[in-house]
């Protein structure tokens, strides 16, 4: 059984990868079809991936201090 910490770390990493994947897909849609929605999606999910990465760094730092 996974601990809550392990699940949380796994969930953060998967969320970051999903955000970056959707951002890449949005960029591709913008480049192929000049889609404003694709560009907006790329920007939103890039910011989301950045914020999740900042959260992960803060969370991992907190985990190191607790252990």
PDB file of N, CA and C in Angstrom:
ATOM      1  N   UNK A   1       0.845  -1.181   0.000  1.00  0.00           N
ATOM      2  CA  UNK A   1       0.000   0.000   0.000  1.00  0.00           C
ATOM      3  C   UNK A   1       0.891   1.246   0.000  1.00  0.00           C
ATOM      4  N   UNK A   2       0.547   2.208  -0.818  1.00  0.00           N
ATOM      5  CA  UNK A   2       1.303   3.448  -0.896  1.00  0.00           C
ATOM      6  C   UNK A   2       1.001   4.337   0.308  1.00  0.00           C
ATOM      7  N   UNK A   3       2.052   4.986   0.800  1.00  0.00           N
ATOM      8  CA  UNK A   3       1.838   5.960   1.868  1.00  0.00           C
ATOM      9  C   UNK A   3       1.257   7.237   1.252  1.00  0.00           C
ATOM     10  N   UNK A   4       0.732   8.076   2.090  1.00  0.00           N
ATOM     11  CA  UNK A   4       0.150   9.327   1.623  1.00  0.00           C
ATOM     12  C   UNK A   4       1.221  10.228   1.010  1.00  0.00           C
ATOM     13  N   UNK A   5       2.418  10.242   1.589  1.00  0.00           N
ATOM     14  CA  UNK A   5       3.516  11.039   1.030  1.00  0.00           C
ATOM     15  C   UNK A   5       3.888  10.555  -0.367  1.00  0.00           C
ATOM     16  N   UNK A   6       4.030   9.244  -0.519  1.00  0.00           N
ATOM     17  CA  UNK A   6       4.403   8.677  -1.813  1.00  0.00           C
ATOM     18  C   UNK A   6       3.347   8.988  -2.856  1.00  0.00           C
ATOM     19  N   UNK A   7       2.089   8.841  -2.507  1.00  0.00           N
ATOM     20  CA  UNK A   7       1.009   9.144  -3.436  1.00  0.00           C
ATOM     21  C   UNK A   7       1.027  10.618  -3.811  1.00  0.00           C
ATOM     22  N   UNK A   8       1.286  11.485  -2.848  1.00  0.00           N
ATOM     23  CA  UNK A   8       1.299  12.923  -3.105  1.00  0.00           C
ATOM     24  C   UNK A   8       2.423  13.288  -4.077  1.00  0.00           C
ATOM     25  N   UNK A   9       3.603  12.715  -3.865  1.00  0.00           N
ATOM     26  CA  UNK A   9       4.729  12.962  -4.762  1.00  0.00           C
ATOM     27  C   UNK A   9       4.400  12.448  -6.164  1.00  0.00           C
ATOM     28  N   UNK A  10       3.858  11.251  -6.244  1.00  0.00           N
ATOM     29  CA  UNK A  10       3.471  10.671  -7.535  1.00  0.00           C
ATOM     30  C   UNK A  10       2.446  11.559  -8.240  1.00  0.00           C
ATOM     31  N   UNK A  11       1.453  12.022  -7.512  1.00  0.00           N
ATOM     32  CA  UNK A  11       0.401  12.851  -8.080  1.00  0.00           C
ATOM     33  C   UNK A  11       0.951  14.184  -8.589  1.00  0.00           C
ATOM     34  N   UNK A  12       1.874  14.780  -7.853  1.00  0.00           N
ATOM     35  CA  UNK A  12       2.483  16.045  -8.276  1.00  0.00           C
ATOM     36  C   UNK A  12       3.255  15.849  -9.574  1.00  0.00           C
ATOM     37  N   UNK A  13       4.078  14.797  -9.626  1.00  0.00           N
ATOM     38  CA  UNK A  13       4.892  14.540 -10.818  1.00  0.00           C
ATOM     39  C   UNK A  13       4.011  14.267 -12.035  1.00  0.00           C
ATOM     40  N   UNK A  14       2.990  13.456 -11.872  1.00  0.00           N
ATOM     41  CA  UNK A  14       2.078  13.164 -12.987  1.00  0.00           C
ATOM     42  C   UNK A  14       1.357  14.436 -13.433  1.00  0.00           C
ATOM     43  N   UNK A  15       0.967  15.280 -12.500  1.00  0.00           N
ATOM     44  CA  UNK A  15       0.282  16.530 -12.845  1.00  0.00           C
ATOM     45  C   UNK A  15       1.193  17.471 -13.621  1.00  0.00           C
ATOM     46  N   UNK A  16       2.464  17.546 -13.225  1.00  0.00           N
ATOM     47  CA  UNK A  16       3.422  18.383 -13.952  1.00  0.00           C
ATOM     48  C   UNK A  16       3.599  17.870 -15.369  1.00  0.00           C
ATOM     49  N   UNK A  17       3.791  16.565 -15.520  1.00  0.00           N
ATOM     50  CA  UNK A  17       3.977  15.983 -16.847  1.00  0.00           C
ATOM     51  C   UNK A  17       2.744  16.181 -17.726  1.00  0.00           C
ATOM     52  N   UNK A  18       1.560  16.028 -17.145  1.00  0.00           N
ATOM     53  CA  UNK A  18       0.320  16.242 -17.903  1.00  0.00           C
ATOM     54  C   UNK A  18       0.193  17.699 -18.334  1.00  0.00           C
ATOM     55  N   UNK A  19       0.508  18.627 -17.451  1.00  0.00           N
ATOM     56  CA  UNK A  19       0.434  20.051 -17.790  1.00  0.00           C
ATOM     57  C   UNK A  19       1.378  20.397 -18.933  1.00  0.00           C
ATOM     58  N   UNK A  20       2.602  19.896 -18.858  1.00  0.00           N
ATOM     59  CA  UNK A  20       3.565  20.178 -19.920  1.00  0.00           C
ATOM     60  C   UNK A  20       3.173  19.502 -21.232  1.00  0.00           C
ATOM     61  N   UNK A  21       2.590  18.323 -21.148  1.00  0.00           N
ATOM     62  CA  UNK A  21       2.120  17.640 -22.350  1.00  0.00           C
ATOM     63  C   UNK A  21       0.980  18.389 -23.031  1.00  0.00           C
ATOM     64  N   UNK A  22       0.046  18.878 -22.247  1.00  0.00           N
ATOM     65  CA  UNK A  22      -1.074  19.641 -22.816  1.00  0.00           C
ATOM     66  C   UNK A  22      -0.567  20.963 -23.377  1.00  0.00           C
ATOM     67  N   UNK A  23       0.407  21.578 -22.712  1.00  0.00           N
ATOM     68  CA  UNK A  23       0.993  22.820 -23.227  1.00  0.00           C
ATOM     69  C   UNK A  23       1.672  22.570 -24.579  1.00  0.00           C
ATOM     70  N   UNK A  24       2.398  21.474 -24.690  1.00  0.00           N
ATOM     71  CA  UNK A  24       3.053  21.140 -25.960  1.00  0.00           C
ATOM     72  C   UNK A  24       2.017  20.887 -27.055  1.00  0.00           C
ATOM     73  N   UNK A  25       0.933  20.227 -26.700  1.00  0.00           N
ATOM     74  CA  UNK A  25      -0.132  19.974 -27.660  1.00  0.00           C
ATOM     75  C   UNK A  25      -0.777  21.295 -28.099  1.00  0.00           C
ATOM     76  N   UNK A  26      -0.964  22.217 -27.160  1.00  0.00           N
ATOM     77  CA  UNK A  26      -1.517  23.526 -27.499  1.00  0.00           C
ATOM     78  C   UNK A  26      -0.612  24.299 -28.441  1.00  0.00           C
ATOM     79  N   UNK A  27       0.700  24.225 -28.207  1.00  0.00           N
ATOM     80  CA  UNK A  27       1.655  24.883 -29.110  1.00  0.00           C
ATOM     81  C   UNK A  27       1.571  24.262 -30.499  1.00  0.00           C
ATOM     82  N   UNK A  28       1.486  22.946 -30.545  1.00  0.00           N
ATOM     83  CA  UNK A  28       1.364  22.262 -31.835  1.00  0.00           C
ATOM     84  C   UNK A  28       0.098  22.702 -32.567  1.00  0.00           C
ATOM     85  N   UNK A  29      -1.012  22.800 -31.864  1.00  0.00           N
ATOM     86  CA  UNK A  29      -2.267  23.231 -32.492  1.00  0.00           C
ATOM     87  C   UNK A  29      -2.152  24.662 -33.008  1.00  0.00           C
ATOM     88  N   UNK A  30      -1.471  25.505 -32.251  1.00  0.00           N
ATOM     89  CA  UNK A  30      -1.283  26.888 -32.682  1.00  0.00           C
ATOM     90  C   UNK A  30      -0.425  26.945 -33.945  1.00  0.00           C
ATOM     91  N   UNK A  31       0.645  26.178 -33.970  1.00  0.00           N
ATOM     92  CA  UNK A  31       1.545  26.210 -35.124  1.00  0.00           C
ATOM     93  C   UNK A  31       0.910  25.598 -36.371  1.00  0.00           C
ATOM     94  N   UNK A  32       0.124  24.561 -36.192  1.00  0.00           N
ATOM     95  CA  UNK A  32      -0.488  23.888 -37.350  1.00  0.00           C
ATOM     96  C   UNK A  32      -1.711  24.622 -37.889  1.00  0.00           C
ATOM     97  N   UNK A  33      -2.525  25.152 -36.989  1.00  0.00           N
ATOM     98  CA  UNK A  33      -3.819  25.705 -37.394  1.00  0.00           C
ATOM     99  C   UNK A  33      -3.993  27.181 -37.056  1.00  0.00           C
ATOM    100  N   UNK A  34      -2.971  27.829 -36.536  1.00  0.00           N
ATOM    101  CA  UNK A  34      -3.066  29.219 -36.075  1.00  0.00           C
ATOM    102  C   UNK A  34      -4.249  29.415 -35.137  1.00  0.00           C
ATOM    103  N   UNK A  35      -4.429  28.452 -34.255  1.00  0.00           N
ATOM    104  CA  UNK A  35      -5.554  28.433 -33.333  1.00  0.00           C
ATOM    105  C   UNK A  35      -5.248  29.271 -32.094  1.00  0.00           C
ATOM    106  N   UNK A  36      -6.063  30.294 -31.857  1.00  0.00           N
ATOM    107  CA  UNK A  36      -5.892  31.110 -30.648  1.00  0.00           C
ATOM    108  C   UNK A  36      -6.178  30.295 -29.398  1.00  0.00           C
ATOM    109  N   UNK A  37      -7.125  29.377 -29.492  1.00  0.00           N
ATOM    110  CA  UNK A  37      -7.424  28.526 -28.348  1.00  0.00           C
ATOM    111  C   UNK A  37      -6.229  27.653 -27.994  1.00  0.00           C
ATOM    112  N   UNK A  38      -5.519  27.161 -29.001  1.00  0.00           N
ATOM    113  CA  UNK A  38      -4.320  26.367 -28.749  1.00  0.00           C
ATOM    114  C   UNK A  38      -3.252  27.175 -28.051  1.00  0.00           C
ATOM    115  N   UNK A  39      -3.086  28.418 -28.475  1.00  0.00           N
ATOM    116  CA  UNK A  39      -2.097  29.295 -27.845  1.00  0.00           C
ATOM    117  C   UNK A  39      -2.495  29.599 -26.404  1.00  0.00           C
ATOM    118  N   UNK A  40      -3.770  29.893 -26.196  1.00  0.00           N
ATOM    119  CA  UNK A  40      -4.247  30.175 -24.837  1.00  0.00           C
ATOM    120  C   UNK A  40      -4.064  28.947 -23.946  1.00  0.00           C
ATOM    121  N   UNK A  41      -4.375  27.775 -24.476  1.00  0.00           N
ATOM    122  CA  UNK A  41      -4.213  26.546 -23.713  1.00  0.00           C
ATOM    123  C   UNK A  41      -2.739  26.310 -23.379  1.00  0.00           C
ATOM    124  N   UNK A  42      -1.851  26.587 -24.341  1.00  0.00           N
ATOM    125  CA  UNK A  42      -0.422  26.420 -24.112  1.00  0.00           C
ATOM    126  C   UNK A  42       0.061  27.345 -23.000  1.00  0.00           C
ATOM    127  N   UNK A  43      -0.396  28.573 -23.009  1.00  0.00           N
ATOM    128  CA  UNK A  43       0.022  29.534 -21.977  1.00  0.00           C
ATOM    129  C   UNK A  43      -0.508  29.120 -20.612  1.00  0.00           C
ATOM    130  N   UNK A  44      -1.785  28.773 -20.549  1.00  0.00           N
ATOM    131  CA  UNK A  44      -2.406  28.409 -19.272  1.00  0.00           C
ATOM    132  C   UNK A  44      -1.732  27.182 -18.672  1.00  0.00           C
ATOM    133  N   UNK A  45      -1.501  26.156 -19.489  1.00  0.00           N
ATOM    134  CA  UNK A  45      -0.912  24.934 -18.957  1.00  0.00           C
ATOM    135  C   UNK A  45       0.586  25.070 -18.704  1.00  0.00           C
ATOM    136  N   UNK A  46       1.260  25.969 -19.397  1.00  0.00           N
ATOM    137  CA  UNK A  46       2.663  26.239 -19.085  1.00  0.00           C
ATOM    138  C   UNK A  46       2.774  26.905 -17.715  1.00  0.00           C
ATOM    139  N   UNK A  47       1.912  27.866 -17.468  1.00  0.00           N
ATOM    140  CA  UNK A  47       1.885  28.525 -16.158  1.00  0.00           C
ATOM    141  C   UNK A  47       1.520  27.509 -15.080  1.00  0.00           C
ATOM    142  N   UNK A  48       0.554  26.659 -15.373  1.00  0.00           N
ATOM    143  CA  UNK A  48       0.164  25.621 -14.425  1.00  0.00           C
ATOM    144  C   UNK A  48       1.326  24.684 -14.120  1.00  0.00           C
ATOM    145  N   UNK A  49       2.056  24.262 -15.139  1.00  0.00           N
ATOM    146  CA  UNK A  49       3.215  23.399 -14.929  1.00  0.00           C
ATOM    147  C   UNK A  49       4.293  24.085 -14.107  1.00  0.00           C
ATOM    148  N   UNK A  50       4.514  25.376 -14.372  1.00  0.00           N
ATOM    149  CA  UNK A  50       5.493  26.145 -13.599  1.00  0.00           C
ATOM    150  C   UNK A  50       5.069  26.235 -12.129  1.00  0.00           C
ATOM    151  N   UNK A  51       3.814  26.548 -11.876  1.00  0.00           N
ATOM    152  CA  UNK A  51       3.333  26.653 -10.499  1.00  0.00           C
ATOM    153  C   UNK A  51       3.396  25.309  -9.773  1.00  0.00           C
ATOM    154  N   UNK A  52       3.061  24.240 -10.474  1.00  0.00           N
ATOM    155  CA  UNK A  52       3.170  22.918  -9.871  1.00  0.00           C
ATOM    156  C   UNK A  52       4.623  22.568  -9.564  1.00  0.00           C
ATOM    157  N   UNK A  53       5.535  22.974 -10.425  1.00  0.00           N
ATOM    158  CA  UNK A  53       6.958  22.725 -10.183  1.00  0.00           C
ATOM    159  C   UNK A  53       7.438  23.501  -8.956  1.00  0.00           C
ATOM    160  N   UNK A  54       6.996  24.741  -8.826  1.00  0.00           N
ATOM    161  CA  UNK A  54       7.357  25.535  -7.648  1.00  0.00           C
ATOM    162  C   UNK A  54       6.781  24.899  -6.380  1.00  0.00           C
ATOM    163  N   UNK A  55       5.551  24.424  -6.463  1.00  0.00           N
ATOM    164  CA  UNK A  55       4.934  23.742  -5.324  1.00  0.00           C
ATOM    165  C   UNK A  55       5.709  22.477  -4.973  1.00  0.00           C
ATOM    166  N   UNK A  56       6.108  21.716  -5.997  1.00  0.00           N
ATOM    167  CA  UNK A  56       6.857  20.483  -5.758  1.00  0.00           C
ATOM    168  C   UNK A  56       8.185  20.781  -5.070  1.00  0.00           C
ATOM    169  N   UNK A  57       8.890  21.813  -5.519  1.00  0.00           N
ATOM    170  CA  UNK A  57      10.164  22.175  -4.900  1.00  0.00           C
ATOM    171  C   UNK A  57       9.960  22.532  -3.427  1.00  0.00           C
ATOM    172  N   UNK A  58       8.925  23.277  -3.155  1.00  0.00           N
ATOM    173  CA  UNK A  58       8.631  23.661  -1.763  1.00  0.00           C
ATOM    174  C   UNK A  58       8.242  22.434  -0.928  1.00  0.00           C
ATOM    175  N   UNK A  59       7.449  21.558  -1.505  1.00  0.00           N
ATOM    176  CA  UNK A  59       7.011  20.354  -0.800  1.00  0.00           C
ATOM    177  C   UNK A  59       8.186  19.415  -0.532  1.00  0.00           C
ATOM    178  N   UNK A  60       9.069  19.219  -1.514  1.00  0.00           N
ATOM    179  CA  UNK A  60      10.224  18.343  -1.333  1.00  0.00           C
ATOM    180  C   UNK A  60      11.171  18.909  -0.281  1.00  0.00           C
ATOM    181  N   UNK A  61      11.319  20.221  -0.263  1.00  0.00           N
ATOM    182  CA  UNK A  61      12.126  20.849   0.777  1.00  0.00           C
ATOM    183  C   UNK A  61      11.544  20.614   2.158  1.00  0.00           C
ATOM    184  N   UNK A  62      10.240  20.700   2.258  1.00  0.00           N
ATOM    185  CA  UNK A  62       9.573  20.457   3.535  1.00  0.00           C
ATOM    186  C   UNK A  62       9.733  18.996   3.950  1.00  0.00           C
ATOM    187  N   UNK A  63       9.647  18.080   2.983  1.00  0.00           N
ATOM    188  CA  UNK A  63       9.823  16.662   3.303  1.00  0.00           C
ATOM    189  C   UNK A  63      11.225  16.390   3.838  1.00  0.00           C
ATOM    190  N   UNK A  64      12.241  17.030   3.251  1.00  0.00           N
ATOM    191  CA  UNK A  64      13.620  16.837   3.720  1.00  0.00           C
ATOM    192  C   UNK A  64      13.785  17.326   5.155  1.00  0.00           C
ATOM    193  N   UNK A  65      13.148  18.428   5.490  1.00  0.00           N
ATOM    194  CA  UNK A  65      13.251  18.959   6.852  1.00  0.00           C
ATOM    195  C   UNK A  65      12.549  18.061   7.860  1.00  0.00           C
ATOM    196  N   UNK A  66      11.461  17.403   7.448  1.00  0.00           N
ATOM    197  CA  UNK A  66      10.705  16.558   8.368  1.00  0.00           C
ATOM    198  C   UNK A  66      11.383  15.211   8.617  1.00  0.00           C
ATOM    199  N   UNK A  67      12.183  14.755   7.666  1.00  0.00           N
ATOM    200  CA  UNK A  67      12.795  13.431   7.820  1.00  0.00           C
ATOM    201  C   UNK A  67      14.044  13.474   8.539  1.00  0.00           C
TER     202      UNK A  67
END
